[in-house]
């Protein structure tokens, strides 16, 4: 990417980030840049918004590990 295109991309991301903050989306710059890249690849922005909302609605599944005591030695 040439320097001018990189500068324009950074400025555009900063503008999107500021707008995101104004409407209180809670999205960080990295997430916004990924979403923009996916839109640039042709993904439906409304579908992406639905995915983001779904991720926020359902907390991530966590795996809990339980430790079991060691088995007694065999006779």
C-alpha atoms as a PDB file:
ATOM      1  CA  UNK A   1       0.000   0.000   0.000  1.00  0.00           C
ATOM      2  CA  UNK A   2       1.438   3.369  -0.932  1.00  0.00           C
ATOM      3  CA  UNK A   3       1.943   5.943   1.818  1.00  0.00           C
ATOM      4  CA  UNK A   4      -0.948   8.147   0.668  1.00  0.00           C
ATOM      5  CA  UNK A   5      -3.384   5.216   0.630  1.00  0.00           C
ATOM      6  CA  UNK A   6      -2.166   4.131   4.072  1.00  0.00           C
ATOM      7  CA  UNK A   7      -2.690   7.649   5.429  1.00  0.00           C
ATOM      8  CA  UNK A   8      -6.184   7.809   3.953  1.00  0.00           C
ATOM      9  CA  UNK A   9      -7.027   4.400   5.444  1.00  0.00           C
ATOM     10  CA  UNK A  10      -5.808   5.500   8.894  1.00  0.00           C
ATOM     11  CA  UNK A  11      -7.805   8.732   8.680  1.00  0.00           C
ATOM     12  CA  UNK A  12     -10.906   6.853   7.576  1.00  0.00           C
ATOM     13  CA  UNK A  13     -10.572   4.370  10.425  1.00  0.00           C
ATOM     14  CA  UNK A  14     -10.128   7.227  12.898  1.00  0.00           C
ATOM     15  CA  UNK A  15     -13.295   8.892  11.576  1.00  0.00           C
ATOM     16  CA  UNK A  16     -15.243   5.630  11.837  1.00  0.00           C
ATOM     17  CA  UNK A  17     -13.903   5.116  15.353  1.00  0.00           C
ATOM     18  CA  UNK A  18     -15.010   8.612  16.389  1.00  0.00           C
ATOM     19  CA  UNK A  19     -18.479   7.997  14.944  1.00  0.00           C
ATOM     20  CA  UNK A  20     -18.583   4.653  16.719  1.00  0.00           C
ATOM     21  CA  UNK A  21     -17.821   6.377  20.008  1.00  0.00           C
ATOM     22  CA  UNK A  22     -20.495   9.025  19.419  1.00  0.00           C
ATOM     23  CA  UNK A  23     -23.172   6.359  19.018  1.00  0.00           C
ATOM     24  CA  UNK A  24     -21.614   4.349  21.845  1.00  0.00           C
ATOM     25  CA  UNK A  25     -21.040   1.062  20.027  1.00  0.00           C
ATOM     26  CA  UNK A  26     -18.238  -0.024  22.332  1.00  0.00           C
ATOM     27  CA  UNK A  27     -16.226  -1.316  19.371  1.00  0.00           C
ATOM     28  CA  UNK A  28     -12.470  -0.820  19.376  1.00  0.00           C
ATOM     29  CA  UNK A  29     -10.375   0.226  16.389  1.00  0.00           C
ATOM     30  CA  UNK A  30      -9.236  -3.317  15.657  1.00  0.00           C
ATOM     31  CA  UNK A  31     -12.790  -4.689  15.606  1.00  0.00           C
ATOM     32  CA  UNK A  32     -13.933  -1.818  13.417  1.00  0.00           C
ATOM     33  CA  UNK A  33     -11.080  -2.399  10.983  1.00  0.00           C
ATOM     34  CA  UNK A  34     -11.960  -6.100  10.740  1.00  0.00           C
ATOM     35  CA  UNK A  35     -15.619  -5.262  10.126  1.00  0.00           C
ATOM     36  CA  UNK A  36     -14.686  -2.706   7.465  1.00  0.00           C
ATOM     37  CA  UNK A  37     -12.395  -5.236   5.762  1.00  0.00           C
ATOM     38  CA  UNK A  38     -15.196  -7.821   5.744  1.00  0.00           C
ATOM     39  CA  UNK A  39     -17.561  -5.274   4.193  1.00  0.00           C
ATOM     40  CA  UNK A  40     -14.891  -4.476   1.580  1.00  0.00           C
ATOM     41  CA  UNK A  41     -14.807  -8.190   0.757  1.00  0.00           C
ATOM     42  CA  UNK A  42     -18.536  -8.078   0.070  1.00  0.00           C
ATOM     43  CA  UNK A  43     -20.078  -9.334   3.303  1.00  0.00           C
ATOM     44  CA  UNK A  44     -23.456  -7.873   4.135  1.00  0.00           C
ATOM     45  CA  UNK A  45     -23.053  -5.079   6.740  1.00  0.00           C
ATOM     46  CA  UNK A  46     -26.455  -5.856   8.258  1.00  0.00           C
ATOM     47  CA  UNK A  47     -25.470  -9.499   8.700  1.00  0.00           C
ATOM     48  CA  UNK A  48     -22.210  -8.435  10.361  1.00  0.00           C
ATOM     49  CA  UNK A  49     -24.141  -6.120  12.695  1.00  0.00           C
ATOM     50  CA  UNK A  50     -26.404  -9.035  13.631  1.00  0.00           C
ATOM     51  CA  UNK A  51     -23.370 -11.177  14.414  1.00  0.00           C
ATOM     52  CA  UNK A  52     -21.860  -8.456  16.622  1.00  0.00           C
ATOM     53  CA  UNK A  53     -25.168  -8.077  18.465  1.00  0.00           C
ATOM     54  CA  UNK A  54     -25.406 -11.851  18.938  1.00  0.00           C
ATOM     55  CA  UNK A  55     -21.883 -12.025  20.351  1.00  0.00           C
ATOM     56  CA  UNK A  56     -22.749  -9.300  22.814  1.00  0.00           C
ATOM     57  CA  UNK A  57     -26.022 -10.933  23.822  1.00  0.00           C
ATOM     58  CA  UNK A  58     -24.542 -14.341  24.568  1.00  0.00           C
ATOM     59  CA  UNK A  59     -21.462 -14.301  26.750  1.00  0.00           C
ATOM     60  CA  UNK A  60     -18.683 -16.535  25.459  1.00  0.00           C
ATOM     61  CA  UNK A  61     -18.741 -20.094  26.623  1.00  0.00           C
ATOM     62  CA  UNK A  62     -16.088 -20.781  29.162  1.00  0.00           C
ATOM     63  CA  UNK A  63     -14.624 -24.128  29.832  1.00  0.00           C
ATOM     64  CA  UNK A  64     -13.964 -25.042  33.368  1.00  0.00           C
ATOM     65  CA  UNK A  65     -11.395 -27.594  34.202  1.00  0.00           C
ATOM     66  CA  UNK A  66     -11.833 -29.650  37.262  1.00  0.00           C
ATOM     67  CA  UNK A  67      -9.039 -31.494  38.834  1.00  0.00           C
ATOM     68  CA  UNK A  68      -9.685 -34.969  40.036  1.00  0.00           C
ATOM     69  CA  UNK A  69      -7.555 -36.532  42.672  1.00  0.00           C
ATOM     70  CA  UNK A  70      -5.162 -39.174  41.415  1.00  0.00           C
ATOM     71  CA  UNK A  71      -6.435 -42.723  41.418  1.00  0.00           C
ATOM     72  CA  UNK A  72      -5.163 -44.904  44.232  1.00  0.00           C
ATOM     73  CA  UNK A  73      -2.438 -47.336  43.210  1.00  0.00           C
ATOM     74  CA  UNK A  74      -3.556 -50.757  42.104  1.00  0.00           C
ATOM     75  CA  UNK A  75      -2.716 -53.619  44.499  1.00  0.00           C
END
